[in-house]
């Protein structure tokens, strides 16, 4: 959706732009900058969010294999929340579409906090909303910024890097555990959640 938006403003979308948006709480500003001043951040948010919601309604947005099962397994052990950079309107649409909305105690999006990831604010707010100390929470993360955010909040992290990316130097040592896919992560999740009282705050990076 962001690639289509920049294309309408005469800008070519590059692979590094996709990487730059991964877990980026300032994604709309990044896209606006790519358009060279031809669009405002508010226009990016409105247009791209509407396009993403429409894609969800059309059945074009699907969970990664194993992701829904991770949430359902986590709910067996305690309250579950989401901390994400994506807009509320899109996140709610996706959660309803996947049948997960009723399973979540908290949904914290980019517009809910003063400082976005990699600051700890999104995870600290989510922990407060589910009523669990951060040190008892397990964050499932797929982005370097999200890993930093969760660790800064005092949480353990189960990392599932998107598309089996290699975590950058300086971040690779931060997760408690790491898996290549959500399906592969399921037994790790169970083990981590039963190793001490813990709840899951799951990150969904959907921008």
N, C-alpha and C. Protein backbone atom coordinates (compact mmCIF):
# COMPACT_ATOMS: atom_id res chain seq x y z
N UNK A 1 0.81 -1.20 0.00
CA UNK A 1 0.00 0.00 0.00
C UNK A 1 0.86 1.27 0.00
N UNK A 2 1.93 1.25 0.81
CA UNK A 2 2.83 2.41 0.84
C UNK A 2 3.57 2.55 -0.48
N UNK A 3 3.92 1.39 -1.09
CA UNK A 3 4.59 1.44 -2.38
C UNK A 3 3.68 2.05 -3.43
N UNK A 4 2.40 1.69 -3.41
CA UNK A 4 1.45 2.26 -4.36
C UNK A 4 1.30 3.76 -4.14
N UNK A 5 1.29 4.17 -2.88
CA UNK A 5 1.15 5.58 -2.56
C UNK A 5 2.31 6.38 -3.12
N UNK A 6 3.54 5.91 -2.89
CA UNK A 6 4.70 6.65 -3.39
C UNK A 6 4.74 6.63 -4.92
N UNK A 7 4.29 5.53 -5.52
CA UNK A 7 4.28 5.45 -6.99
C UNK A 7 3.36 6.52 -7.58
N UNK A 8 2.24 6.78 -6.91
CA UNK A 8 1.31 7.82 -7.40
C UNK A 8 1.93 9.20 -7.31
N UNK A 9 3.00 9.32 -6.53
CA UNK A 9 3.70 10.60 -6.41
C UNK A 9 5.03 10.57 -7.15
N UNK A 10 5.15 9.62 -8.08
CA UNK A 10 6.31 9.59 -8.95
C UNK A 10 7.58 9.06 -8.31
N UNK A 11 7.44 8.31 -7.22
CA UNK A 11 8.62 7.79 -6.53
C UNK A 11 8.70 6.28 -6.67
N UNK A 12 9.89 5.77 -6.93
CA UNK A 12 10.10 4.33 -7.08
C UNK A 12 10.35 3.71 -5.72
N UNK A 13 9.62 2.65 -5.40
CA UNK A 13 9.77 1.95 -4.13
C UNK A 13 10.90 0.94 -4.23
N UNK A 14 11.82 0.99 -3.27
CA UNK A 14 12.99 0.12 -3.28
C UNK A 14 12.91 -0.93 -2.17
N UNK A 15 13.62 -2.04 -2.31
CA UNK A 15 13.61 -3.06 -1.25
C UNK A 15 14.02 -2.49 0.10
N UNK A 16 14.96 -1.55 0.10
CA UNK A 16 15.40 -0.97 1.38
C UNK A 16 14.31 -0.13 2.04
N UNK A 17 13.35 0.32 1.24
CA UNK A 17 12.24 1.06 1.84
C UNK A 17 11.33 0.12 2.62
N UNK A 18 11.12 -1.07 2.10
CA UNK A 18 10.35 -2.07 2.84
C UNK A 18 11.03 -2.41 4.15
N UNK A 19 12.35 -2.58 4.11
CA UNK A 19 13.12 -2.86 5.32
C UNK A 19 13.02 -1.72 6.31
N UNK A 20 13.08 -0.50 5.80
CA UNK A 20 13.04 0.68 6.67
C UNK A 20 11.70 0.81 7.39
N UNK A 21 10.62 0.34 6.78
CA UNK A 21 9.30 0.43 7.41
C UNK A 21 9.05 -0.65 8.44
N UNK A 22 9.86 -1.68 8.43
CA UNK A 22 9.67 -2.83 9.29
C UNK A 22 9.78 -2.43 10.77
N UNK A 23 8.65 -2.42 11.47
CA UNK A 23 8.65 -2.05 12.88
C UNK A 23 8.88 -0.58 13.14
N UNK A 24 8.74 0.24 12.12
CA UNK A 24 9.03 1.68 12.23
C UNK A 24 7.80 2.44 12.68
N UNK A 25 7.82 2.95 13.90
CA UNK A 25 6.68 3.71 14.41
C UNK A 25 6.48 5.02 13.69
N UNK A 26 7.50 5.49 12.98
CA UNK A 26 7.40 6.73 12.21
C UNK A 26 7.23 6.44 10.72
N UNK A 27 6.55 5.35 10.41
CA UNK A 27 6.42 4.88 9.03
C UNK A 27 5.78 5.93 8.12
N UNK A 28 4.77 6.63 8.62
CA UNK A 28 4.06 7.60 7.78
C UNK A 28 4.96 8.78 7.42
N UNK A 29 5.77 9.22 8.36
CA UNK A 29 6.71 10.30 8.08
C UNK A 29 7.74 9.86 7.06
N UNK A 30 8.18 8.61 7.17
CA UNK A 30 9.15 8.07 6.22
C UNK A 30 8.57 8.09 4.81
N UNK A 31 7.33 7.62 4.66
CA UNK A 31 6.69 7.59 3.34
C UNK A 31 6.48 9.00 2.81
N UNK A 32 6.07 9.91 3.68
CA UNK A 32 5.88 11.30 3.25
C UNK A 32 7.19 11.90 2.75
N UNK A 33 8.28 11.60 3.43
CA UNK A 33 9.59 12.11 3.00
C UNK A 33 9.97 11.55 1.63
N UNK A 34 9.62 10.28 1.39
CA UNK A 34 9.92 9.69 0.08
C UNK A 34 9.20 10.44 -1.04
N UNK A 35 8.06 11.02 -0.71
CA UNK A 35 7.27 11.72 -1.73
C UNK A 35 7.77 13.14 -1.97
N UNK A 36 8.85 13.52 -1.30
CA UNK A 36 9.49 14.80 -1.55
C UNK A 36 8.62 16.01 -1.27
N UNK A 37 7.78 15.92 -0.24
CA UNK A 37 6.95 17.07 0.11
C UNK A 37 5.64 17.14 -0.64
N UNK A 38 5.37 16.16 -1.50
CA UNK A 38 4.12 16.15 -2.27
C UNK A 38 2.95 15.62 -1.47
N UNK A 39 3.21 15.06 -0.29
CA UNK A 39 2.15 14.53 0.56
C UNK A 39 2.50 14.78 2.02
N UNK A 40 1.48 14.99 2.83
CA UNK A 40 1.69 15.17 4.26
C UNK A 40 1.63 13.82 4.98
N UNK A 41 2.12 13.81 6.20
CA UNK A 41 2.05 12.59 7.00
C UNK A 41 0.60 12.18 7.21
N UNK A 42 -0.26 13.14 7.46
CA UNK A 42 -1.69 12.82 7.65
C UNK A 42 -2.29 12.18 6.41
N UNK A 43 -1.90 12.65 5.24
CA UNK A 43 -2.40 12.05 3.99
C UNK A 43 -1.91 10.62 3.83
N UNK A 44 -0.66 10.38 4.21
CA UNK A 44 -0.12 9.03 4.13
C UNK A 44 -0.91 8.10 5.04
N UNK A 45 -1.12 8.52 6.28
CA UNK A 45 -1.85 7.69 7.24
C UNK A 45 -3.25 7.37 6.74
N UNK A 46 -3.99 8.39 6.29
CA UNK A 46 -5.36 8.20 5.86
C UNK A 46 -5.45 7.30 4.62
N UNK A 47 -4.64 7.60 3.62
CA UNK A 47 -4.72 6.85 2.36
C UNK A 47 -4.24 5.41 2.52
N UNK A 48 -3.09 5.23 3.15
CA UNK A 48 -2.54 3.88 3.30
C UNK A 48 -3.37 3.03 4.25
N UNK A 49 -3.88 3.64 5.32
CA UNK A 49 -4.72 2.89 6.25
C UNK A 49 -6.00 2.43 5.57
N UNK A 50 -6.63 3.32 4.81
CA UNK A 50 -7.85 2.94 4.09
C UNK A 50 -7.57 1.80 3.12
N UNK A 51 -6.46 1.88 2.41
CA UNK A 51 -6.10 0.82 1.46
C UNK A 51 -5.87 -0.50 2.18
N UNK A 52 -5.23 -0.46 3.34
CA UNK A 52 -4.97 -1.69 4.09
C UNK A 52 -6.26 -2.29 4.64
N UNK A 53 -7.16 -1.44 5.13
CA UNK A 53 -8.45 -1.92 5.64
C UNK A 53 -9.25 -2.54 4.50
N UNK A 54 -9.24 -1.91 3.35
CA UNK A 54 -9.95 -2.45 2.18
C UNK A 54 -9.37 -3.80 1.77
N UNK A 55 -8.05 -3.92 1.81
CA UNK A 55 -7.40 -5.19 1.46
C UNK A 55 -7.79 -6.28 2.45
N UNK A 56 -7.90 -5.90 3.72
CA UNK A 56 -8.32 -6.86 4.73
C UNK A 56 -9.74 -7.34 4.46
N UNK A 57 -10.63 -6.40 4.15
CA UNK A 57 -12.03 -6.74 3.85
C UNK A 57 -12.13 -7.64 2.63
N UNK A 58 -11.20 -7.49 1.70
CA UNK A 58 -11.21 -8.29 0.48
C UNK A 58 -10.53 -9.65 0.68
N UNK A 59 -10.08 -9.92 1.89
CA UNK A 59 -9.43 -11.19 2.17
C UNK A 59 -7.99 -11.28 1.71
N UNK A 60 -7.37 -10.13 1.46
CA UNK A 60 -6.00 -10.12 0.95
C UNK A 60 -4.95 -10.07 2.05
N UNK A 61 -5.37 -9.91 3.30
CA UNK A 61 -4.46 -9.88 4.43
C UNK A 61 -4.59 -11.20 5.18
N UNK A 62 -3.49 -11.92 5.28
CA UNK A 62 -3.50 -13.22 5.94
C UNK A 62 -2.42 -13.28 7.01
N UNK A 63 -2.70 -14.01 8.06
CA UNK A 63 -1.70 -14.22 9.10
C UNK A 63 -0.60 -15.15 8.59
N UNK A 64 0.60 -14.95 9.07
CA UNK A 64 1.68 -15.89 8.77
C UNK A 64 1.33 -17.26 9.35
N UNK A 65 1.74 -18.34 8.69
CA UNK A 65 1.46 -19.67 9.23
C UNK A 65 1.94 -19.81 10.67
N UNK A 66 1.05 -20.24 11.54
CA UNK A 66 1.40 -20.44 12.94
C UNK A 66 1.15 -19.25 13.84
N UNK A 67 0.90 -18.06 13.29
CA UNK A 67 0.77 -16.87 14.12
C UNK A 67 -0.49 -16.90 14.98
N UNK A 68 -1.61 -17.30 14.40
CA UNK A 68 -2.85 -17.37 15.17
C UNK A 68 -2.72 -18.42 16.27
N UNK A 69 -2.08 -19.53 15.96
CA UNK A 69 -1.89 -20.57 16.97
C UNK A 69 -1.03 -20.08 18.12
N UNK A 70 -0.05 -19.21 17.84
CA UNK A 70 0.76 -18.63 18.92
C UNK A 70 -0.10 -17.84 19.88
N UNK A 71 -0.99 -17.02 19.34
CA UNK A 71 -1.85 -16.21 20.21
C UNK A 71 -2.76 -17.10 21.04
N UNK A 72 -3.34 -18.11 20.43
CA UNK A 72 -4.25 -19.01 21.16
C UNK A 72 -3.52 -19.78 22.25
N UNK A 73 -2.29 -20.21 21.96
CA UNK A 73 -1.51 -20.91 22.97
C UNK A 73 -1.16 -19.96 24.11
N UNK A 74 -0.79 -18.73 23.78
CA UNK A 74 -0.43 -17.76 24.82
C UNK A 74 -1.61 -17.48 25.74
N UNK A 75 -2.81 -17.44 25.18
CA UNK A 75 -3.99 -17.14 25.99
C UNK A 75 -4.23 -18.21 27.06
N UNK A 76 -3.74 -19.40 26.83
CA UNK A 76 -3.88 -20.47 27.82
C UNK A 76 -3.06 -20.17 29.07
N UNK A 77 -2.07 -19.28 28.96
CA UNK A 77 -1.15 -19.03 30.07
C UNK A 77 -1.37 -17.68 30.75
N UNK A 78 -2.16 -16.80 30.14
CA UNK A 78 -2.38 -15.49 30.74
C UNK A 78 -2.90 -14.49 29.73
N UNK A 79 -3.10 -13.25 30.16
CA UNK A 79 -3.64 -12.22 29.25
C UNK A 79 -2.67 -11.90 28.12
N UNK A 80 -3.24 -11.57 26.97
CA UNK A 80 -2.46 -11.31 25.76
C UNK A 80 -2.75 -9.91 25.26
N UNK A 81 -1.72 -9.22 24.80
CA UNK A 81 -1.89 -7.89 24.22
C UNK A 81 -1.09 -7.73 22.95
N UNK A 82 -1.35 -6.67 22.24
CA UNK A 82 -0.63 -6.34 21.02
C UNK A 82 0.01 -4.97 21.18
N UNK A 83 1.26 -4.85 20.80
CA UNK A 83 1.95 -3.56 20.75
C UNK A 83 2.52 -3.42 19.35
N UNK A 84 2.02 -2.48 18.58
CA UNK A 84 2.37 -2.39 17.18
C UNK A 84 2.50 -0.95 16.72
N UNK A 85 3.22 -0.76 15.61
CA UNK A 85 3.38 0.57 15.02
C UNK A 85 2.24 0.90 14.08
N UNK A 86 1.42 -0.08 13.75
CA UNK A 86 0.36 0.11 12.75
C UNK A 86 -0.81 0.91 13.31
N UNK A 87 -1.61 1.53 12.43
CA UNK A 87 -2.75 2.36 12.87
C UNK A 87 -3.87 1.51 13.47
N UNK A 88 -4.56 2.10 14.44
CA UNK A 88 -5.65 1.41 15.13
C UNK A 88 -6.68 0.85 14.15
N UNK A 89 -7.10 1.65 13.19
CA UNK A 89 -8.18 1.25 12.30
C UNK A 89 -7.82 -0.03 11.54
N UNK A 90 -6.59 -0.12 11.10
CA UNK A 90 -6.14 -1.32 10.39
C UNK A 90 -5.98 -2.50 11.35
N UNK A 91 -5.36 -2.26 12.49
CA UNK A 91 -5.12 -3.34 13.45
C UNK A 91 -6.43 -3.97 13.89
N UNK A 92 -7.41 -3.14 14.22
CA UNK A 92 -8.71 -3.66 14.64
C UNK A 92 -9.36 -4.49 13.53
N UNK A 93 -9.25 -4.01 12.29
CA UNK A 93 -9.82 -4.75 11.16
C UNK A 93 -9.17 -6.12 11.01
N UNK A 94 -7.86 -6.17 11.13
CA UNK A 94 -7.14 -7.44 11.00
C UNK A 94 -7.49 -8.39 12.13
N UNK A 95 -7.54 -7.88 13.36
CA UNK A 95 -7.85 -8.74 14.49
C UNK A 95 -9.25 -9.32 14.40
N UNK A 96 -10.20 -8.50 13.94
CA UNK A 96 -11.56 -9.01 13.74
C UNK A 96 -11.57 -10.06 12.63
N UNK A 97 -10.86 -9.78 11.57
CA UNK A 97 -10.81 -10.70 10.42
C UNK A 97 -10.23 -12.06 10.82
N UNK A 98 -9.23 -12.05 11.70
CA UNK A 98 -8.56 -13.29 12.12
C UNK A 98 -9.26 -13.96 13.30
N UNK A 99 -10.29 -13.32 13.84
CA UNK A 99 -11.00 -13.88 14.98
C UNK A 99 -10.24 -13.79 16.28
N UNK A 100 -9.36 -12.78 16.40
CA UNK A 100 -8.52 -12.66 17.59
C UNK A 100 -8.90 -11.48 18.49
N UNK A 101 -9.80 -10.63 18.04
CA UNK A 101 -10.10 -9.40 18.78
C UNK A 101 -10.54 -9.68 20.21
N UNK A 102 -11.34 -10.72 20.40
CA UNK A 102 -11.87 -11.02 21.73
C UNK A 102 -10.85 -11.72 22.63
N UNK A 103 -9.73 -12.10 22.07
CA UNK A 103 -8.71 -12.80 22.85
C UNK A 103 -7.67 -11.85 23.44
N UNK A 104 -7.77 -10.57 23.10
CA UNK A 104 -6.74 -9.61 23.50
C UNK A 104 -7.23 -8.70 24.61
N UNK A 105 -6.40 -8.53 25.63
CA UNK A 105 -6.72 -7.65 26.74
C UNK A 105 -6.32 -6.21 26.44
N UNK A 106 -5.34 -6.04 25.56
CA UNK A 106 -4.84 -4.69 25.24
C UNK A 106 -4.40 -4.64 23.79
N UNK A 107 -4.65 -3.49 23.15
CA UNK A 107 -4.16 -3.22 21.80
C UNK A 107 -3.56 -1.82 21.80
N UNK A 108 -2.25 -1.74 21.72
CA UNK A 108 -1.54 -0.47 21.76
C UNK A 108 -0.93 -0.23 20.38
N UNK A 109 -1.33 0.89 19.76
CA UNK A 109 -0.85 1.23 18.42
C UNK A 109 0.03 2.47 18.45
N UNK A 110 0.59 2.80 17.30
CA UNK A 110 1.54 3.91 17.24
C UNK A 110 1.00 5.22 17.75
N UNK A 111 -0.30 5.48 17.50
CA UNK A 111 -0.87 6.76 17.91
C UNK A 111 -1.20 6.83 19.40
N UNK A 112 -0.96 5.73 20.13
CA UNK A 112 -1.32 5.68 21.55
C UNK A 112 -0.21 6.13 22.48
N UNK A 113 1.01 6.29 21.96
CA UNK A 113 2.15 6.60 22.82
C UNK A 113 2.91 7.81 22.30
N UNK A 114 3.57 8.49 23.23
CA UNK A 114 4.35 9.67 22.86
C UNK A 114 5.63 9.28 22.13
N UNK A 115 6.22 8.15 22.52
CA UNK A 115 7.44 7.68 21.89
C UNK A 115 7.21 6.28 21.34
N UNK A 116 7.50 6.09 20.06
CA UNK A 116 7.28 4.80 19.43
C UNK A 116 8.52 3.94 19.56
N UNK A 117 8.42 2.68 19.13
CA UNK A 117 9.58 1.80 19.13
C UNK A 117 10.73 2.43 18.33
N UNK A 118 11.96 2.28 18.81
CA UNK A 118 12.47 1.35 19.81
C UNK A 118 12.38 1.82 21.27
N UNK A 119 11.72 2.93 21.55
CA UNK A 119 11.47 3.33 22.94
C UNK A 119 10.59 2.27 23.60
N UNK A 120 10.65 2.13 24.91
CA UNK A 120 9.88 1.07 25.59
C UNK A 120 8.41 1.39 25.78
N UNK A 121 7.99 2.61 25.45
CA UNK A 121 6.63 3.08 25.76
C UNK A 121 5.51 2.14 25.31
N UNK A 122 5.51 1.63 24.05
CA UNK A 122 4.40 0.77 23.64
C UNK A 122 4.27 -0.47 24.52
N UNK A 123 5.38 -1.10 24.85
CA UNK A 123 5.32 -2.30 25.66
C UNK A 123 4.98 -2.00 27.11
N UNK A 124 5.47 -0.91 27.64
CA UNK A 124 5.13 -0.54 29.01
C UNK A 124 3.64 -0.26 29.14
N UNK A 125 3.07 0.41 28.15
CA UNK A 125 1.63 0.68 28.20
C UNK A 125 0.83 -0.61 28.07
N UNK A 126 1.24 -1.49 27.16
CA UNK A 126 0.53 -2.75 27.00
C UNK A 126 0.57 -3.58 28.28
N UNK A 127 1.74 -3.64 28.93
CA UNK A 127 1.85 -4.39 30.19
C UNK A 127 0.93 -3.81 31.25
N UNK A 128 0.88 -2.48 31.32
CA UNK A 128 0.00 -1.83 32.29
C UNK A 128 -1.47 -2.17 32.01
N UNK A 129 -1.84 -2.21 30.74
CA UNK A 129 -3.23 -2.46 30.38
C UNK A 129 -3.65 -3.90 30.64
N UNK A 130 -2.72 -4.85 30.50
CA UNK A 130 -3.09 -6.23 30.80
C UNK A 130 -2.89 -6.55 32.28
N UNK A 131 -2.28 -5.61 33.01
CA UNK A 131 -2.14 -5.77 34.44
C UNK A 131 -1.07 -6.75 34.87
N UNK A 132 0.02 -6.81 34.10
CA UNK A 132 1.10 -7.74 34.40
C UNK A 132 2.43 -6.98 34.41
N UNK A 133 3.30 -7.20 35.41
CA UNK A 133 4.60 -6.53 35.41
C UNK A 133 5.38 -6.87 34.14
N UNK A 134 6.11 -5.91 33.58
CA UNK A 134 6.88 -6.19 32.36
C UNK A 134 7.81 -7.38 32.48
N UNK A 135 8.40 -7.57 33.65
CA UNK A 135 9.35 -8.68 33.82
C UNK A 135 8.67 -10.04 33.74
N UNK A 136 7.35 -10.08 33.84
CA UNK A 136 6.61 -11.33 33.71
C UNK A 136 6.10 -11.55 32.28
N UNK A 137 6.33 -10.59 31.41
CA UNK A 137 5.80 -10.65 30.05
C UNK A 137 6.82 -11.24 29.07
N UNK A 138 6.29 -11.87 28.05
CA UNK A 138 7.11 -12.36 26.95
C UNK A 138 6.63 -11.65 25.68
N UNK A 139 7.53 -10.95 25.03
CA UNK A 139 7.20 -10.26 23.78
C UNK A 139 7.63 -11.13 22.60
N UNK A 140 6.73 -11.29 21.65
CA UNK A 140 7.07 -11.99 20.40
C UNK A 140 7.30 -10.93 19.35
N UNK A 141 8.50 -10.88 18.81
CA UNK A 141 8.91 -9.75 17.96
C UNK A 141 9.49 -10.21 16.63
N UNK A 142 9.27 -9.37 15.61
CA UNK A 142 9.84 -9.70 14.30
C UNK A 142 10.71 -8.59 13.74
N UNK A 143 10.97 -7.54 14.51
CA UNK A 143 11.77 -6.42 14.00
C UNK A 143 12.83 -6.00 15.00
N UNK A 144 13.97 -5.49 14.52
CA UNK A 144 15.00 -4.99 15.43
C UNK A 144 14.50 -3.89 16.37
N UNK A 145 13.71 -2.95 15.83
CA UNK A 145 13.19 -1.87 16.67
C UNK A 145 12.28 -2.43 17.76
N UNK A 146 11.47 -3.41 17.41
CA UNK A 146 10.58 -4.00 18.39
C UNK A 146 11.32 -4.76 19.47
N UNK A 147 12.38 -5.47 19.08
CA UNK A 147 13.20 -6.19 20.06
C UNK A 147 13.80 -5.20 21.06
N UNK A 148 14.35 -4.12 20.56
CA UNK A 148 14.93 -3.11 21.44
C UNK A 148 13.87 -2.55 22.38
N UNK A 149 12.70 -2.30 21.85
CA UNK A 149 11.61 -1.73 22.65
C UNK A 149 11.23 -2.66 23.80
N UNK A 150 11.03 -3.93 23.48
CA UNK A 150 10.61 -4.90 24.49
C UNK A 150 11.69 -5.09 25.56
N UNK A 151 12.94 -5.21 25.12
CA UNK A 151 14.03 -5.39 26.08
C UNK A 151 14.17 -4.16 26.97
N UNK A 152 14.02 -2.97 26.38
CA UNK A 152 14.10 -1.73 27.18
C UNK A 152 12.97 -1.66 28.19
N UNK A 153 11.84 -2.31 27.90
CA UNK A 153 10.71 -2.34 28.83
C UNK A 153 10.91 -3.38 29.92
N UNK A 154 11.96 -4.19 29.81
CA UNK A 154 12.25 -5.20 30.82
C UNK A 154 11.61 -6.54 30.57
N UNK A 155 11.28 -6.83 29.31
CA UNK A 155 10.61 -8.08 28.95
C UNK A 155 11.58 -9.08 28.32
N UNK A 156 11.24 -10.35 28.45
CA UNK A 156 11.91 -11.37 27.66
C UNK A 156 11.35 -11.31 26.24
N UNK A 157 12.15 -11.76 25.28
CA UNK A 157 11.74 -11.66 23.88
C UNK A 157 11.93 -13.00 23.16
N UNK A 158 10.89 -13.41 22.48
CA UNK A 158 10.98 -14.52 21.52
C UNK A 158 11.00 -13.87 20.15
N UNK A 159 12.12 -13.95 19.47
CA UNK A 159 12.29 -13.28 18.18
C UNK A 159 11.97 -14.23 17.03
N UNK A 160 11.17 -13.72 16.08
CA UNK A 160 10.88 -14.45 14.85
C UNK A 160 11.17 -13.48 13.71
N UNK A 161 12.43 -13.29 13.35
CA UNK A 161 12.78 -12.29 12.32
C UNK A 161 12.04 -12.53 11.02
N UNK A 162 11.49 -11.47 10.45
CA UNK A 162 10.71 -11.60 9.22
C UNK A 162 11.57 -12.12 8.08
N UNK A 163 11.00 -13.06 7.32
CA UNK A 163 11.66 -13.65 6.15
C UNK A 163 13.05 -14.20 6.51
N UNK A 164 13.15 -14.72 7.73
CA UNK A 164 14.40 -15.33 8.21
C UNK A 164 15.59 -14.38 8.09
N UNK A 165 15.35 -13.08 8.28
CA UNK A 165 16.44 -12.11 8.24
C UNK A 165 17.42 -12.37 9.38
N UNK A 166 18.66 -12.00 9.17
CA UNK A 166 19.66 -12.08 10.22
C UNK A 166 19.60 -10.81 11.05
N UNK A 167 19.45 -10.95 12.35
CA UNK A 167 19.37 -9.78 13.21
C UNK A 167 20.69 -9.01 13.17
N UNK A 168 20.63 -7.68 13.13
CA UNK A 168 21.84 -6.87 13.06
C UNK A 168 22.74 -7.05 14.27
N UNK A 169 24.01 -6.78 14.06
CA UNK A 169 24.98 -6.80 15.16
C UNK A 169 24.52 -5.82 16.25
N UNK A 170 24.60 -6.25 17.47
CA UNK A 170 24.17 -5.40 18.57
C UNK A 170 22.75 -5.70 19.02
N UNK A 171 22.02 -6.50 18.23
CA UNK A 171 20.65 -6.87 18.60
C UNK A 171 20.52 -8.38 18.75
N UNK A 172 21.33 -9.13 18.03
CA UNK A 172 21.20 -10.58 17.98
C UNK A 172 21.28 -11.23 19.36
N UNK A 173 21.99 -10.60 20.30
CA UNK A 173 22.14 -11.20 21.63
C UNK A 173 20.98 -10.87 22.57
N UNK A 174 20.07 -9.99 22.16
CA UNK A 174 19.03 -9.51 23.06
C UNK A 174 17.88 -10.49 23.29
N UNK A 175 17.39 -11.20 22.26
CA UNK A 175 16.26 -12.10 22.49
C UNK A 175 16.61 -13.26 23.42
N UNK A 176 15.62 -13.70 24.19
CA UNK A 176 15.79 -14.88 25.03
C UNK A 176 15.84 -16.13 24.18
N UNK A 177 15.05 -16.14 23.10
CA UNK A 177 15.00 -17.28 22.18
C UNK A 177 14.68 -16.75 20.79
N UNK A 178 14.96 -17.57 19.78
CA UNK A 178 14.72 -17.15 18.40
C UNK A 178 14.27 -18.34 17.57
N UNK A 179 13.32 -18.10 16.66
CA UNK A 179 12.83 -19.13 15.76
C UNK A 179 12.76 -18.56 14.35
N UNK A 180 12.77 -19.44 13.36
CA UNK A 180 12.72 -18.99 11.97
C UNK A 180 11.31 -18.70 11.51
N UNK A 181 10.32 -19.36 12.08
CA UNK A 181 8.93 -19.18 11.69
C UNK A 181 8.04 -19.21 12.92
N UNK A 182 6.80 -18.73 12.77
CA UNK A 182 5.86 -18.77 13.88
C UNK A 182 5.52 -20.21 14.25
N UNK A 183 5.44 -21.09 13.27
CA UNK A 183 5.16 -22.49 13.55
C UNK A 183 6.28 -23.12 14.36
N UNK A 184 7.51 -22.83 13.98
CA UNK A 184 8.67 -23.34 14.72
C UNK A 184 8.73 -22.76 16.13
N UNK A 185 8.17 -21.56 16.31
CA UNK A 185 8.24 -20.87 17.60
C UNK A 185 7.27 -21.42 18.63
N UNK A 186 6.26 -22.18 18.21
CA UNK A 186 5.21 -22.60 19.14
C UNK A 186 5.75 -23.38 20.35
N UNK A 187 6.58 -24.41 20.18
CA UNK A 187 7.09 -25.09 21.37
C UNK A 187 7.99 -24.21 22.23
N UNK A 188 8.72 -23.28 21.59
CA UNK A 188 9.53 -22.34 22.36
C UNK A 188 8.64 -21.44 23.21
N UNK A 189 7.55 -20.96 22.61
CA UNK A 189 6.61 -20.11 23.33
C UNK A 189 6.07 -20.82 24.57
N UNK A 190 5.65 -22.06 24.39
CA UNK A 190 5.10 -22.83 25.51
C UNK A 190 6.13 -22.99 26.61
N UNK A 191 7.36 -23.32 26.23
CA UNK A 191 8.41 -23.51 27.23
C UNK A 191 8.71 -22.22 27.98
N UNK A 192 8.78 -21.12 27.26
CA UNK A 192 9.09 -19.84 27.89
C UNK A 192 7.96 -19.37 28.81
N UNK A 193 6.73 -19.62 28.41
CA UNK A 193 5.60 -19.18 29.23
C UNK A 193 5.39 -20.05 30.46
N UNK A 194 5.92 -21.25 30.45
CA UNK A 194 5.78 -22.12 31.62
C UNK A 194 7.02 -22.12 32.50
N UNK A 195 8.06 -21.42 32.07
CA UNK A 195 9.29 -21.39 32.86
C UNK A 195 9.20 -20.44 34.04
N UNK A 196 8.24 -19.49 33.98
CA UNK A 196 7.95 -18.59 35.09
C UNK A 196 6.59 -17.99 34.80
N UNK A 197 5.91 -17.41 35.81
CA UNK A 197 4.63 -16.76 35.50
C UNK A 197 4.84 -15.72 34.42
N UNK A 198 4.12 -15.83 33.34
CA UNK A 198 4.36 -14.92 32.22
C UNK A 198 3.09 -14.76 31.41
N UNK A 199 3.01 -13.64 30.75
CA UNK A 199 1.94 -13.37 29.80
C UNK A 199 2.59 -12.95 28.51
N UNK A 200 1.82 -12.93 27.46
CA UNK A 200 2.38 -12.59 26.16
C UNK A 200 1.89 -11.24 25.71
N UNK A 201 2.82 -10.39 25.31
CA UNK A 201 2.45 -9.20 24.58
C UNK A 201 3.04 -9.40 23.19
N UNK A 202 2.16 -9.58 22.24
CA UNK A 202 2.59 -9.95 20.91
C UNK A 202 2.66 -8.72 20.02
N UNK A 203 3.76 -8.64 19.25
CA UNK A 203 3.93 -7.57 18.27
C UNK A 203 3.43 -8.05 16.93
N UNK A 204 2.59 -7.20 16.25
CA UNK A 204 2.18 -7.45 14.88
C UNK A 204 2.65 -6.28 14.04
N UNK A 205 3.65 -6.50 13.28
CA UNK A 205 4.10 -5.44 12.41
C UNK A 205 3.41 -5.59 11.07
N UNK A 206 2.54 -4.67 10.79
CA UNK A 206 1.73 -4.84 9.59
C UNK A 206 1.86 -3.68 8.61
N UNK A 207 2.71 -2.71 8.92
CA UNK A 207 2.88 -1.61 7.98
C UNK A 207 3.81 -2.04 6.87
